[in-house]
Protein backbone atom coordinates (compact mmCIF):
# COMPACT_ATOMS: atom_id res chain seq x y z
CA UNK A 1 123.83 194.20 70.41
CA UNK A 2 124.22 190.46 70.92
CA UNK A 3 121.77 187.70 70.04
CA UNK A 4 122.06 184.25 71.61
CA UNK A 5 119.90 181.44 70.27
CA UNK A 6 118.81 179.43 73.30
CA UNK A 7 116.24 177.25 71.52
CA UNK A 8 114.65 176.42 68.15
CA UNK A 9 118.14 176.71 66.67
CA UNK A 10 118.82 173.86 64.26
CA UNK A 11 115.50 172.32 65.34
CA UNK A 12 111.83 173.20 65.49
CA UNK A 13 110.84 173.33 69.17
CA UNK A 14 111.97 175.33 72.20
CA UNK A 15 111.80 178.86 70.73
CA UNK A 16 113.96 181.14 72.88
CA UNK A 17 116.20 183.98 71.66
CA UNK A 18 118.11 186.41 73.91
CA UNK A 19 118.74 190.03 72.87
CA UNK A 20 121.39 191.90 74.89
CA UNK A 21 122.38 195.54 74.68
CA UNK A 22 124.37 197.77 77.03
CA UNK A 23 121.06 198.62 78.75
CA UNK A 24 118.68 195.69 78.24
CA UNK A 25 118.37 191.92 78.30
CA UNK A 26 115.16 190.80 76.58
CA UNK A 27 114.04 187.25 75.78
CA UNK A 28 111.98 186.51 72.68
CA UNK A 29 109.67 183.55 73.49
CA UNK A 30 110.33 180.85 76.05
CA UNK A 31 109.05 177.56 74.62
CA UNK A 32 109.33 173.94 75.63
CA UNK A 33 111.61 171.57 73.77
CA UNK A 34 109.62 168.57 72.55
CA UNK A 35 110.78 165.11 71.40
CA UNK A 36 112.95 162.56 73.25
CA UNK A 37 111.72 162.80 76.85
CA UNK A 38 115.06 162.51 78.70
CA UNK A 39 116.97 164.75 76.30
CA UNK A 40 114.27 167.42 76.27
CA UNK A 41 113.91 167.41 80.04
CA UNK A 42 117.58 168.31 80.41
CA UNK A 43 117.21 171.15 77.90
CA UNK A 44 114.01 172.39 79.51
CA UNK A 45 115.61 172.52 82.96
CA UNK A 46 118.56 174.66 81.81
CA UNK A 47 118.29 178.39 81.15
CA UNK A 48 121.27 180.02 79.46
CA UNK A 49 119.50 183.38 79.39
CA UNK A 50 120.02 184.34 83.05
CA UNK A 51 116.34 184.52 84.13
CA UNK A 52 116.93 186.76 87.16
CA UNK A 53 118.65 189.39 85.02
CA UNK A 54 116.09 189.63 82.24
CA UNK A 55 114.24 192.91 81.82
CA UNK A 56 111.31 191.45 79.89
CA UNK A 57 110.01 188.60 77.78
CA UNK A 58 108.31 189.28 74.45
CA UNK A 59 105.97 186.42 73.54
CA UNK A 60 105.02 185.95 69.87
CA UNK A 61 102.15 183.50 70.43
CA UNK A 62 100.68 180.83 72.67
CA UNK A 63 101.84 177.54 71.14
CA UNK A 64 103.64 175.46 73.76
CA UNK A 65 106.93 175.36 71.82
CA UNK A 66 106.93 179.18 72.14
CA UNK A 67 105.38 179.83 75.57
CA UNK A 68 105.52 176.49 77.38
CA UNK A 69 108.61 177.06 79.55
CA UNK A 70 107.62 180.49 80.85
CA UNK A 71 106.65 178.97 84.23
CA UNK A 72 110.08 177.34 84.38
CA UNK A 73 111.64 180.74 83.72
CA UNK A 74 109.57 182.25 86.53
CA UNK A 75 110.59 179.42 88.88
CA UNK A 76 114.21 180.21 87.96
CA UNK A 77 113.80 183.80 89.15
CA UNK A 78 112.29 185.88 86.35
CA UNK A 79 109.68 188.35 87.62
CA UNK A 80 109.46 190.97 84.87
CA UNK A 81 106.74 191.76 82.34
CA UNK A 82 105.74 189.29 79.59
CA UNK A 83 104.50 191.33 76.65
CA UNK A 84 102.02 189.72 74.24
CA UNK A 85 98.73 190.43 72.49
CA UNK A 86 95.46 190.27 74.47
CA UNK A 87 94.35 187.05 72.73
CA UNK A 88 97.74 185.46 73.36
CA UNK A 89 97.50 186.34 77.05
CA UNK A 90 94.12 184.62 77.35
CA UNK A 91 95.12 181.54 75.36
CA UNK A 92 98.57 181.16 76.93
CA UNK A 93 97.06 181.19 80.43
CA UNK A 94 95.01 178.12 79.42
CA UNK A 95 97.88 176.42 77.61
CA UNK A 96 100.28 176.78 80.53
CA UNK A 97 97.85 175.34 83.05
CA UNK A 98 97.20 172.42 80.71
CA UNK A 99 100.95 171.94 80.29
CA UNK A 100 101.36 171.90 84.09
CA UNK A 101 98.72 169.18 84.26
CA UNK A 102 100.61 167.13 81.66
CA UNK A 103 103.87 167.69 83.58
CA UNK A 104 102.24 166.29 86.72
CA UNK A 105 100.84 163.27 84.84
CA UNK A 106 104.22 162.55 83.25
CA UNK A 107 105.94 162.78 86.63
CA UNK A 108 103.48 160.32 88.19
CA UNK A 109 103.99 157.92 85.27
CA UNK A 110 107.78 158.09 85.59
CA UNK A 111 107.59 157.63 89.36
CA UNK A 112 105.67 154.37 88.88
CA UNK A 113 108.34 153.05 86.53
CA UNK A 114 111.47 154.22 88.34
CA UNK A 115 113.82 151.72 90.03
CA UNK A 116 113.45 151.54 93.84
CA UNK A 117 115.62 154.05 95.65
CA UNK A 118 116.03 156.43 92.69
CA UNK A 119 115.24 160.12 92.96
CA UNK A 120 111.56 160.61 92.15
CA UNK A 121 110.78 162.47 88.95
CA UNK A 122 109.17 165.87 89.43
CA UNK A 123 107.14 168.05 87.05
CA UNK A 124 109.00 170.93 85.44
CA UNK A 125 106.42 173.24 87.01
CA UNK A 126 103.07 173.20 88.76
CA UNK A 127 99.63 174.71 88.24
CA UNK A 128 100.50 177.45 90.72
CA UNK A 129 103.66 178.25 88.71
CA UNK A 130 101.49 178.56 85.60
CA UNK A 131 99.04 180.86 87.40
CA UNK A 132 101.89 183.02 88.72
CA UNK A 133 103.27 183.31 85.18
CA UNK A 134 99.92 184.45 83.77
CA UNK A 135 99.91 187.31 86.29
CA UNK A 136 103.01 188.69 84.54
CA UNK A 137 101.31 189.03 81.14
CA UNK A 138 101.09 192.63 79.90
CA UNK A 139 98.82 192.65 76.82
CA UNK A 140 99.59 195.08 74.00
CA UNK A 141 97.20 195.57 71.06
CA UNK A 142 98.30 195.16 67.47
CA UNK A 143 99.78 198.18 65.75
CA UNK A 144 100.79 200.33 68.75
CA UNK A 145 104.39 201.09 69.72
CA UNK A 146 105.26 200.46 73.36
CA UNK A 147 108.38 201.79 75.10
CA UNK A 148 110.24 199.50 77.45
CA UNK A 149 112.55 202.50 77.74
CA UNK A 150 113.79 205.32 75.52
CA UNK A 151 116.19 202.81 73.95
CA UNK A 152 113.82 199.87 73.35
CA UNK A 153 110.47 200.05 71.56
CA UNK A 154 108.26 197.13 70.55
CA UNK A 155 105.19 196.76 68.32
CA UNK A 156 103.04 193.74 67.42
CA UNK A 157 101.60 193.05 63.95
CA UNK A 158 99.30 190.14 63.07
CA UNK A 159 101.34 187.09 62.02
CA UNK A 160 98.31 185.16 60.74
CA UNK A 161 99.53 181.93 62.38
CA UNK A 162 97.07 181.37 65.24
CA UNK A 163 94.69 183.56 67.23
CA UNK A 164 96.72 186.44 68.68
CA UNK A 165 100.00 185.50 66.98
CA UNK A 166 102.35 188.40 66.38
CA UNK A 167 105.27 189.53 64.29
CA UNK A 168 107.48 191.46 66.71
CA UNK A 169 109.02 194.73 65.52
CA UNK A 170 111.67 196.35 67.72
CA UNK A 171 113.60 199.60 67.56
CA UNK A 172 116.72 199.06 69.65
CA UNK A 173 119.31 201.71 70.55
CA UNK A 174 122.71 200.39 71.68
CA UNK A 175 125.70 202.65 72.26
CA UNK A 176 124.13 205.42 70.21
CA UNK A 177 123.31 203.19 67.21
CA UNK A 178 119.69 202.38 66.35
CA UNK A 179 118.77 199.05 64.79
CA UNK A 180 115.41 197.79 63.62
CA UNK A 181 114.96 194.15 64.64
CA UNK A 182 112.09 191.93 63.43
CA UNK A 183 111.13 188.54 64.87
CA UNK A 184 108.51 186.64 62.88
CA UNK A 185 107.48 184.28 65.66
CA UNK A 186 105.73 181.70 63.49
CA UNK A 187 104.74 183.37 60.23
CA UNK A 188 101.32 182.34 59.02
CA UNK A 189 99.89 181.57 55.59
CA UNK A 190 97.73 183.47 53.21
CA UNK A 191 94.14 182.32 52.80
CA UNK A 192 93.77 180.32 56.02
CA UNK A 193 90.23 180.10 57.41
CA UNK A 194 89.46 182.34 60.40
CA UNK A 195 92.75 184.30 60.33
CA UNK A 196 94.04 187.39 58.60
CA UNK A 197 96.95 187.03 56.21
CA UNK A 198 100.35 187.89 57.74
CA UNK A 199 100.91 191.64 57.97
CA UNK A 200 103.39 193.08 55.48
CA UNK A 201 105.96 195.21 57.30
CA UNK A 202 108.92 197.37 56.37
CA UNK A 203 112.51 196.18 56.05
CA UNK A 204 114.90 195.76 58.93
CA UNK A 205 118.54 195.59 59.98
CA UNK A 206 118.16 192.23 61.72
CA UNK A 207 115.58 189.53 61.00
CA UNK A 208 114.96 186.41 63.09
CA UNK A 209 112.65 184.21 61.04
CA UNK A 210 111.09 180.80 61.40
CA UNK A 211 111.75 178.34 58.56
CA UNK A 212 109.53 175.34 59.34
CA UNK A 213 108.21 174.84 55.81
CA UNK A 214 110.83 176.75 53.86
CA UNK A 215 111.39 173.77 51.56
CA UNK A 216 107.83 172.99 50.41
CA UNK A 217 104.48 174.22 49.19
CA UNK A 218 101.12 173.60 50.87
CA UNK A 219 98.04 172.55 48.91
CA UNK A 220 95.16 175.07 48.89
CA UNK A 221 92.78 175.01 51.84
CA UNK A 222 89.86 174.14 49.51
CA UNK A 223 91.70 170.93 48.62
CA UNK A 224 91.83 170.08 52.33
CA UNK A 225 88.07 170.53 52.68
CA UNK A 226 87.58 168.17 49.75
CA UNK A 227 90.04 165.67 51.24
CA UNK A 228 88.26 165.75 54.60
CA UNK A 229 84.96 165.10 52.85
CA UNK A 230 86.46 162.15 50.95
CA UNK A 231 88.01 160.61 54.06
CA UNK A 232 84.88 160.97 56.19
CA UNK A 233 82.64 159.69 53.41
CA UNK A 234 84.86 156.60 53.06
CA UNK A 235 84.62 156.02 56.81
CA UNK A 236 80.85 156.36 56.76
CA UNK A 237 80.68 153.79 53.95
CA UNK A 238 83.10 151.21 55.36
CA UNK A 239 82.29 151.53 59.06
CA UNK A 240 85.74 152.74 60.12
CA UNK A 241 86.65 155.51 62.50
CA UNK A 242 88.70 158.60 61.70
CA UNK A 243 91.24 159.77 64.27
CA UNK A 244 92.56 163.32 63.80
CA UNK A 245 95.34 164.34 66.20
CA UNK A 246 95.14 168.13 66.34
CA UNK A 247 96.49 170.91 68.46
CA UNK A 248 93.85 172.26 70.82
CA UNK A 249 94.85 175.75 69.76
CA UNK A 250 94.18 176.73 66.16
CA UNK A 251 94.01 173.48 64.26
CA UNK A 252 90.97 172.09 66.09
CA UNK A 253 89.02 175.31 65.51
CA UNK A 254 89.98 175.30 61.79
CA UNK A 255 88.80 171.72 61.39
CA UNK A 256 85.48 172.36 63.13
CA UNK A 257 85.01 175.50 61.02
CA UNK A 258 85.55 173.53 57.78
CA UNK A 259 83.28 170.68 58.91
CA UNK A 260 80.64 173.27 59.77
CA UNK A 261 80.90 174.63 56.21
CA UNK A 262 80.50 171.10 54.79
CA UNK A 263 77.46 170.55 57.02
CA UNK A 264 75.83 173.84 56.04
CA UNK A 265 76.41 172.89 52.39
CA UNK A 266 74.73 169.52 53.12
CA UNK A 267 77.77 167.63 51.87
CA UNK A 268 78.96 165.96 55.10
CA UNK A 269 77.58 162.43 55.65
CA UNK A 270 75.51 161.79 58.76
CA UNK A 271 78.37 160.61 60.94
CA UNK A 272 79.06 161.58 64.58
CA UNK A 273 81.95 163.98 65.11
CA UNK A 274 83.58 164.34 68.53
CA UNK A 275 86.06 166.91 69.79
CA UNK A 276 87.74 165.09 72.67
CA UNK A 277 89.75 167.80 74.36
CA UNK A 278 88.62 169.86 77.33
CA UNK A 279 91.36 172.35 76.46
CA UNK A 280 89.96 172.75 72.94
CA UNK A 281 86.60 173.71 74.41
CA UNK A 282 88.21 176.43 76.53
CA UNK A 283 90.31 177.70 73.64
CA UNK A 284 87.27 177.77 71.37
CA UNK A 285 85.56 180.02 73.91
CA UNK A 286 88.55 182.39 73.71
CA UNK A 287 88.07 182.45 69.92
CA UNK A 288 84.48 183.55 70.51
CA UNK A 289 85.61 186.26 72.92
CA UNK A 290 88.17 187.62 70.43
CA UNK A 291 86.03 187.46 67.32
CA UNK A 292 87.11 191.03 66.51
CA UNK A 293 90.56 189.78 65.37
CA UNK A 294 89.19 187.04 63.08
CA UNK A 295 89.27 187.59 59.31
CA UNK A 296 86.59 189.36 57.26
CA UNK A 297 84.97 186.11 56.06
CA UNK A 298 84.56 184.86 59.63
CA UNK A 299 83.17 188.26 60.61
CA UNK A 300 80.67 188.06 57.74
CA UNK A 301 79.51 184.57 58.70
CA UNK A 302 79.19 185.52 62.37
CA UNK A 303 76.52 188.06 61.41
CA UNK A 304 74.24 185.29 60.15
CA UNK A 305 75.60 182.22 61.97
CA UNK A 306 76.93 182.81 65.50
CA UNK A 307 77.83 179.12 65.77
CA UNK A 308 81.09 179.02 63.80
CA UNK A 309 82.34 176.16 65.94
CA UNK A 310 79.25 174.01 66.24
CA UNK A 311 76.93 172.02 63.96
CA UNK A 312 74.39 169.16 64.22
CA UNK A 313 76.21 165.90 64.93
CA UNK A 314 79.16 167.56 66.71
CA UNK A 315 79.76 166.71 70.37
CA UNK A 316 82.40 168.21 72.65
CA UNK A 317 83.64 165.55 75.09
CA UNK A 318 84.41 166.65 78.64
CA UNK A 319 84.73 163.72 81.03
CA UNK A 320 87.32 160.96 80.99
CA UNK A 321 84.53 158.38 81.07
CA UNK A 322 82.94 159.80 77.90
CA UNK A 323 86.34 159.77 76.22
CA UNK A 324 86.95 156.15 77.18
CA UNK A 325 83.52 155.11 75.91
CA UNK A 326 84.45 156.33 72.42
CA UNK A 327 87.08 153.60 72.18
CA UNK A 328 84.36 150.93 72.42
CA UNK A 329 81.79 152.71 70.31
CA UNK A 330 80.41 150.74 67.34
CA UNK A 331 80.10 152.12 63.85
CA UNK A 332 81.86 154.95 62.05
CA UNK A 333 82.70 158.24 63.73
CA UNK A 334 85.28 161.04 63.68
CA UNK A 335 87.27 162.12 66.73
CA UNK A 336 89.51 165.18 66.88
CA UNK A 337 91.76 164.98 69.92
CA UNK A 338 94.90 166.55 71.34
CA UNK A 339 97.85 166.54 71.07
CA UNK A 340 98.86 167.41 67.53
CA UNK A 341 102.16 165.52 67.62
CA UNK A 342 100.63 162.58 69.55
CA UNK A 343 103.00 163.06 72.48
CA UNK A 344 100.38 163.28 75.21
CA UNK A 345 96.68 163.65 75.86
CA UNK A 346 93.56 161.66 75.02
CA UNK A 347 94.54 161.03 71.41
CA UNK A 348 97.01 158.38 72.61
CA UNK A 349 94.15 156.21 73.86
CA UNK A 350 92.23 156.63 70.61
CA UNK A 351 95.33 155.71 68.59
CA UNK A 352 95.98 152.66 70.75
CA UNK A 353 92.52 151.34 69.89
CA UNK A 354 92.62 152.37 66.23
CA UNK A 355 96.08 151.85 64.69
CA UNK A 356 95.71 148.08 64.20
CA UNK A 357 92.50 148.17 62.14
CA UNK A 358 92.87 148.75 58.37
CA UNK A 359 89.31 150.12 58.21
CA UNK A 360 90.36 153.08 60.35
CA UNK A 361 92.08 156.23 59.13
CA UNK A 362 94.54 158.45 60.98
CA UNK A 363 94.67 161.97 59.56
CA UNK A 364 97.81 164.01 60.26
CA UNK A 365 97.02 167.70 59.79
CA UNK A 366 100.11 169.47 61.08
CA UNK A 367 103.88 169.45 61.36
CA UNK A 368 105.28 166.41 63.17
CA UNK A 369 108.57 167.02 64.96
CA UNK A 370 111.44 164.57 64.88
CA UNK A 371 111.30 161.71 67.42
CA UNK A 372 107.56 162.18 68.08
CA UNK A 373 104.88 159.51 67.78
CA UNK A 374 103.18 161.72 65.22
CA UNK A 375 106.28 161.64 63.00
CA UNK A 376 106.50 157.84 63.27
CA UNK A 377 102.84 157.50 62.25
CA UNK A 378 103.30 160.00 59.41
CA UNK A 379 106.34 158.00 58.24
CA UNK A 380 104.10 154.89 58.40
CA UNK A 381 106.43 152.80 60.52
CA UNK A 382 105.44 149.13 60.68
CA UNK A 383 105.00 149.37 64.43
CA UNK A 384 104.48 152.34 66.74
CA UNK A 385 105.07 152.59 70.45
CA UNK A 386 102.14 153.84 72.52
CA UNK A 387 102.27 153.74 76.33
CA UNK A 388 105.47 151.61 76.27
CA UNK A 389 103.90 148.94 74.08
CA UNK A 390 104.33 148.38 70.36
CA UNK A 391 101.27 148.17 68.10
CA UNK A 392 101.20 147.25 64.40
CA UNK A 393 100.26 150.23 62.25
CA UNK A 394 97.62 148.85 59.85
CA UNK A 395 95.26 151.84 59.75
CA UNK A 396 95.38 154.05 56.68
CA UNK A 397 97.44 157.22 57.21
CA UNK A 398 96.51 160.44 55.43
CA UNK A 399 98.61 163.60 55.60
CA UNK A 400 96.79 166.88 54.97
CA UNK A 401 99.30 169.70 55.23
CA UNK A 402 97.06 172.33 53.67
CA UNK A 403 95.86 173.45 57.10
CA UNK A 404 99.34 174.13 58.39
CA UNK A 405 99.50 177.50 60.06
CA UNK A 406 103.10 177.97 58.92
CA UNK A 407 104.12 179.91 55.84
CA UNK A 408 105.37 177.79 52.94
CA UNK A 409 108.05 178.74 50.41
CA UNK A 410 105.70 180.93 48.35
CA UNK A 411 104.37 182.71 51.45
CA UNK A 412 107.93 183.38 52.57
CA UNK A 413 108.87 184.68 49.11
CA UNK A 414 105.86 187.06 49.13
CA UNK A 415 106.58 188.35 52.63
CA UNK A 416 110.35 188.74 52.18
CA UNK A 417 109.95 190.56 48.87
CA UNK A 418 108.00 193.27 50.68
CA UNK A 419 110.73 193.56 53.32
CA UNK A 420 113.33 193.86 50.59
CA UNK A 421 111.56 196.64 48.69
CA UNK A 422 110.63 198.68 51.79
CA UNK A 423 114.06 199.11 53.32
CA UNK A 424 115.80 195.82 52.71
CA UNK A 425 116.99 193.07 55.03
CA UNK A 426 120.36 193.40 56.71
CA UNK A 427 121.23 190.13 58.45
CA UNK A 428 118.76 187.25 58.56
CA UNK A 429 118.87 184.41 61.10
CA UNK A 430 116.75 181.36 60.24
CA UNK A 431 115.44 179.41 63.22
CA UNK A 432 112.60 177.03 64.08
CA UNK A 433 113.28 174.63 61.22
CA UNK A 434 115.05 171.38 60.45
CA UNK A 435 118.26 171.74 58.44
CA UNK A 436 116.74 170.93 55.06
CA UNK A 437 113.94 173.49 55.42
CA UNK A 438 116.20 176.23 56.80
CA UNK A 439 118.80 175.66 54.07
CA UNK A 440 116.15 175.83 51.35
CA UNK A 441 114.79 179.07 52.77
CA UNK A 442 118.30 180.54 53.04
CA UNK A 443 118.79 179.88 49.33
CA UNK A 444 115.35 181.29 48.50
CA UNK A 445 115.89 184.63 50.23
CA UNK A 446 119.63 185.17 49.69
CA UNK A 447 119.11 187.89 47.07
CA UNK A 448 116.76 189.76 49.40
CA UNK A 449 119.39 190.05 52.14
CA UNK A 450 122.54 192.16 52.44
CA UNK A 451 124.42 189.22 53.97
CA UNK A 452 124.20 185.46 53.59
CA UNK A 453 121.42 184.19 55.88
CA UNK A 454 122.72 182.42 58.98
CA UNK A 455 121.29 179.17 60.37
CA UNK A 456 122.36 179.32 64.04
CA UNK A 457 122.82 176.27 66.21
CA UNK A 458 121.89 175.93 69.86
CA UNK A 459 123.58 178.54 72.09
CA UNK A 460 125.34 180.29 69.19
CA UNK A 461 125.91 184.01 69.91
CA UNK A 462 126.27 186.76 67.30
CA UNK A 463 127.10 190.46 67.52
CA UNK A 464 124.99 192.59 65.16
């Protein structure tokens, strides 16, 4: 069996890993690369996996850096099944259509700024490509083995990362030899609101694991609730606004859930809260539809409070006009808007109007990839570029990593220890992480593995 790392190798975005046997060619994830626009566009247009010759795609979850280039793969000739959980199928269909919309907006922007006579920029894919891709989804429930053939079985277990996220277990027969292969997707954390803890599974011959936060520890979620209360109380007192860039999938629902808890406890000040993301509204509805896969605490609360994602003072913004009016609103308020890394979406307009005022606060609540606006804000650069113009960064910047959906070093240690004692780990490949994080995780888990963990680079191929 061969594994070729076609994305998220030596970096965090673009998850895409090709498994090849004498009988099958299967792709794990097909995400978009994110960061420098020109560099990422080149990567996103190239497929080293041979789309026309793939037997299937196995999708771990619906974040764009894991599913976002599936329509590009379909455009390039793939027409096989895309296996995922039912919740992932529903969420990914929304995410891909939203991504197509962003692709079209980016193309129009580039066309306006291109030199006369140059070839017009085009979106990577269209809404119709996204719809066609969604028709290929084949949902599989957690915990049930599915046979692609007699030589390839797959099963999903809850990864605890976002709604529907899965750890992928595979039994693969190649030339008479059976290997157990595990792909973590993005491994979640213990104790996150709304979600189950990651499922503990048995050891494996080959492990492909994310490493995003392999070099650090997250603060407890309760600390985050307290920090949110402090930040919003300060804003209410000084008249500033709070801008929270957040992914429409997962992070926005967690934030609203925590703010709902603070409201029910009568701790949250009377300050307007806006969710400015039409996609977030649609994703939140999917959460409601798949309440059966939420954790026991959410299930308990739902029995007495069916409004997990709503509370007095919360407004979901739909129209562009309503969104624009927020930028000229007087007095303190909170706005949660996409995207999480500040690379697109309505949050850019809110940041443009907020970064220069020291009374305002920008709250970063998730991982910020290299070369993104979110990373530059998190690093507190003196100036930040928004819509091709530089603005002084005078607003206060707060970083609350306790809501990260990624496992930290202790979560990894806990999860790997179980693998080690229930069959061991043969060869581990660490992906989806910057070098420092992946190296730290490699050191952390070395004694749990039969071989030194490998940190592959883009397009590296290994025989296992």
